[in-house]
Amino acid sequence: MLAATFGSAAFAGWAYYRRTEPRGLITHLLAAAQTLLVAQVGLGLLLLSRHHRAADHLHYAYGVFALAAVLSPWLYAPADPRTRLLWFAVATLLAAALAVRAWMTA
């Protein structure tokens, strides 16, 4: 999941830097990284339902913040395709950084 989020954010950032139109592989990579993060949060909720707890309660906060980071561009990103790509790239990069922190507190 960490490689997917960092990789897709870097690829989207590179596409924004080159001023290319966001389509095809870039959008699919961002969607795959976001799907992986949402699936990981879902697996974490399943573990919680089976009474498996993390040693540090901060782990849960980082997971929730990462989920909020990848969901926020769907609500707040502007309609311009290039600017929208930048929003999704930055949000995915932020989610990746938060996922690293969650992994460190697990």
C-alpha atoms as a PDB file:
ATOM      1  CA  MET A   1       0.000   0.000   0.000  1.00  0.00           C
ATOM      2  CA  LEU A   2       2.840   2.374   0.782  1.00  0.00           C
ATOM      3  CA  ALA A   3       4.485   1.787  -2.594  1.00  0.00           C
ATOM      4  CA  ALA A   4       1.164   2.256  -4.389  1.00  0.00           C
ATOM      5  CA  THR A   5       0.391   5.567  -2.689  1.00  0.00           C
ATOM      6  CA  PHE A   6       3.890   7.033  -3.005  1.00  0.00           C
ATOM      7  CA  GLY A   7       4.252   5.774  -6.580  1.00  0.00           C
ATOM      8  CA  SER A   8       0.905   7.038  -7.812  1.00  0.00           C
ATOM      9  CA  ALA A   9       1.377  10.413  -6.118  1.00  0.00           C
ATOM     10  CA  ALA A  10       4.830  10.782  -7.679  1.00  0.00           C
ATOM     11  CA  PHE A  11       3.537   9.759 -11.103  1.00  0.00           C
ATOM     12  CA  ALA A  12       0.627  12.204 -10.866  1.00  0.00           C
ATOM     13  CA  GLY A  13       2.956  14.964  -9.674  1.00  0.00           C
ATOM     14  CA  TRP A  14       5.246  14.302 -12.611  1.00  0.00           C
ATOM     15  CA  ALA A  15       2.288  14.457 -15.011  1.00  0.00           C
ATOM     16  CA  TYR A  16       1.195  17.761 -13.482  1.00  0.00           C
ATOM     17  CA  TYR A  17       4.736  19.115 -13.778  1.00  0.00           C
ATOM     18  CA  ARG A  18       4.882  18.120 -17.465  1.00  0.00           C
ATOM     19  CA  ARG A  19       1.475  19.804 -18.025  1.00  0.00           C
ATOM     20  CA  THR A  20      -0.101  16.671 -19.488  1.00  0.00           C
ATOM     21  CA  GLU A  21      -3.812  16.010 -19.419  1.00  0.00           C
ATOM     22  CA  PRO A  22      -4.872  13.684 -16.543  1.00  0.00           C
ATOM     23  CA  ARG A  23      -6.239  10.514 -18.114  1.00  0.00           C
ATOM     24  CA  GLY A  24      -5.551   6.832 -18.559  1.00  0.00           C
ATOM     25  CA  LEU A  25      -2.828   5.316 -16.428  1.00  0.00           C
ATOM     26  CA  ILE A  26      -2.461   8.278 -14.072  1.00  0.00           C
ATOM     27  CA  THR A  27      -6.075   8.296 -12.985  1.00  0.00           C
ATOM     28  CA  HIS A  28      -6.151   4.512 -12.675  1.00  0.00           C
ATOM     29  CA  LEU A  29      -3.053   4.511 -10.454  1.00  0.00           C
ATOM     30  CA  LEU A  30      -4.533   7.154  -8.174  1.00  0.00           C
ATOM     31  CA  ALA A  31      -7.820   5.253  -7.982  1.00  0.00           C
ATOM     32  CA  ALA A  32      -5.996   1.981  -7.217  1.00  0.00           C
ATOM     33  CA  ALA A  33      -3.988   3.608  -4.419  1.00  0.00           C
ATOM     34  CA  GLN A  34      -7.134   5.106  -2.922  1.00  0.00           C
ATOM     35  CA  THR A  35      -8.941   1.776  -3.195  1.00  0.00           C
ATOM     36  CA  LEU A  36      -6.066   0.012  -1.442  1.00  0.00           C
ATOM     37  CA  LEU A  37      -6.158   2.529   1.388  1.00  0.00           C
ATOM     38  CA  VAL A  38      -9.925   2.199   1.827  1.00  0.00           C
ATOM     39  CA  ALA A  39      -9.572  -1.604   1.770  1.00  0.00           C
ATOM     40  CA  GLN A  40      -6.849  -1.432   4.405  1.00  0.00           C
ATOM     41  CA  VAL A  41      -9.077   0.679   6.659  1.00  0.00           C
ATOM     42  CA  GLY A  42     -11.829  -1.907   6.117  1.00  0.00           C
ATOM     43  CA  LEU A  43      -9.469  -4.717   7.124  1.00  0.00           C
ATOM     44  CA  GLY A  44      -8.520  -2.717  10.196  1.00  0.00           C
ATOM     45  CA  LEU A  45     -12.180  -2.435  11.140  1.00  0.00           C
ATOM     46  CA  LEU A  46     -12.543  -6.195  10.712  1.00  0.00           C
ATOM     47  CA  LEU A  47      -9.594  -6.722  13.048  1.00  0.00           C
ATOM     48  CA  LEU A  48     -11.194  -4.387  15.570  1.00  0.00           C
ATOM     49  CA  SER A  49     -14.425  -6.354  15.384  1.00  0.00           C
ATOM     50  CA  ARG A  50     -12.445  -9.500  16.272  1.00  0.00           C
ATOM     51  CA  HIS A  51     -10.966  -7.716  19.329  1.00  0.00           C
ATOM     52  CA  HIS A  52      -7.457  -7.266  17.908  1.00  0.00           C
ATOM     53  CA  ARG A  53      -6.119  -3.953  19.164  1.00  0.00           C
ATOM     54  CA  ALA A  54      -3.084  -1.865  18.235  1.00  0.00           C
ATOM     55  CA  ALA A  55      -0.582  -1.165  20.980  1.00  0.00           C
ATOM     56  CA  ASP A  56      -0.815   2.586  20.429  1.00  0.00           C
ATOM     57  CA  HIS A  57      -4.175   4.348  20.061  1.00  0.00           C
ATOM     58  CA  LEU A  58      -2.517   6.914  17.791  1.00  0.00           C
ATOM     59  CA  HIS A  59      -2.486   4.174  15.115  1.00  0.00           C
ATOM     60  CA  TYR A  60      -6.251   4.569  14.714  1.00  0.00           C
ATOM     61  CA  ALA A  61      -6.011   8.344  14.372  1.00  0.00           C
ATOM     62  CA  TYR A  62      -3.447   8.078  11.575  1.00  0.00           C
ATOM     63  CA  GLY A  63      -5.660   5.582   9.753  1.00  0.00           C
ATOM     64  CA  VAL A  64      -8.708   7.843   9.990  1.00  0.00           C
ATOM     65  CA  PHE A  65      -6.694  10.893   8.882  1.00  0.00           C
ATOM     66  CA  ALA A  66      -5.303   8.981   5.877  1.00  0.00           C
ATOM     67  CA  LEU A  67      -8.814   7.947   4.905  1.00  0.00           C
ATOM     68  CA  ALA A  68     -10.031  11.534   5.218  1.00  0.00           C
ATOM     69  CA  ALA A  69      -7.088  12.714   3.110  1.00  0.00           C
ATOM     70  CA  VAL A  70      -7.938  10.474   0.143  1.00  0.00           C
ATOM     71  CA  LEU A  71     -11.657  11.215   0.359  1.00  0.00           C
ATOM     72  CA  SER A  72     -11.366  15.015   0.624  1.00  0.00           C
ATOM     73  CA  PRO A  73     -10.492  15.724  -3.054  1.00  0.00           C
ATOM     74  CA  TRP A  74     -13.714  14.011  -4.090  1.00  0.00           C
ATOM     75  CA  LEU A  75     -15.578  16.752  -2.240  1.00  0.00           C
ATOM     76  CA  TYR A  76     -13.380  19.827  -2.533  1.00  0.00           C
ATOM     77  CA  ALA A  77     -11.232  19.603  -5.683  1.00  0.00           C
ATOM     78  CA  PRO A  78     -11.961  22.199  -8.379  1.00  0.00           C
ATOM     79  CA  ALA A  79     -13.411  21.246 -11.755  1.00  0.00           C
ATOM     80  CA  ASP A  80     -10.284  22.092 -13.796  1.00  0.00           C
ATOM     81  CA  PRO A  81      -8.702  18.717 -14.723  1.00  0.00           C
ATOM     82  CA  ARG A  82      -5.066  19.707 -14.119  1.00  0.00           C
ATOM     83  CA  THR A  83      -5.772  21.375 -10.785  1.00  0.00           C
ATOM     84  CA  ARG A  84      -7.920  18.409  -9.806  1.00  0.00           C
ATOM     85  CA  LEU A  85      -4.984  16.114 -10.612  1.00  0.00           C
ATOM     86  CA  LEU A  86      -2.767  18.170  -8.305  1.00  0.00           C
ATOM     87  CA  TRP A  87      -5.329  17.931  -5.499  1.00  0.00           C
ATOM     88  CA  PHE A  88      -5.518  14.156  -5.861  1.00  0.00           C
ATOM     89  CA  ALA A  89      -1.726  13.821  -6.048  1.00  0.00           C
ATOM     90  CA  VAL A  90      -1.160  15.885  -2.900  1.00  0.00           C
ATOM     91  CA  ALA A  91      -3.961  14.106  -1.029  1.00  0.00           C
ATOM     92  CA  THR A  92      -2.532  10.705  -1.971  1.00  0.00           C
ATOM     93  CA  LEU A  93       0.947  11.817  -0.895  1.00  0.00           C
ATOM     94  CA  LEU A  94      -0.451  13.040   2.434  1.00  0.00           C
ATOM     95  CA  ALA A  95      -2.275   9.737   2.890  1.00  0.00           C
ATOM     96  CA  ALA A  96       0.966   7.884   2.170  1.00  0.00           C
ATOM     97  CA  ALA A  97       2.820   9.913   4.818  1.00  0.00           C
ATOM     98  CA  LEU A  98       0.042   9.242   7.326  1.00  0.00           C
ATOM     99  CA  ALA A  99       0.119   5.541   6.434  1.00  0.00           C
ATOM    100  CA  VAL A 100       3.837   5.476   7.216  1.00  0.00           C
ATOM    101  CA  ARG A 101       3.107   7.000  10.613  1.00  0.00           C
ATOM    102  CA  ALA A 102       0.335   4.465  11.203  1.00  0.00           C
ATOM    103  CA  TRP A 103       2.703   1.648  10.288  1.00  0.00           C
ATOM    104  CA  MET A 104       5.283   3.007  12.715  1.00  0.00           C
ATOM    105  CA  THR A 105       2.767   3.037  15.587  1.00  0.00           C
ATOM    106  CA  ALA A 106       1.401  -0.451  14.926  1.00  0.00           C
END
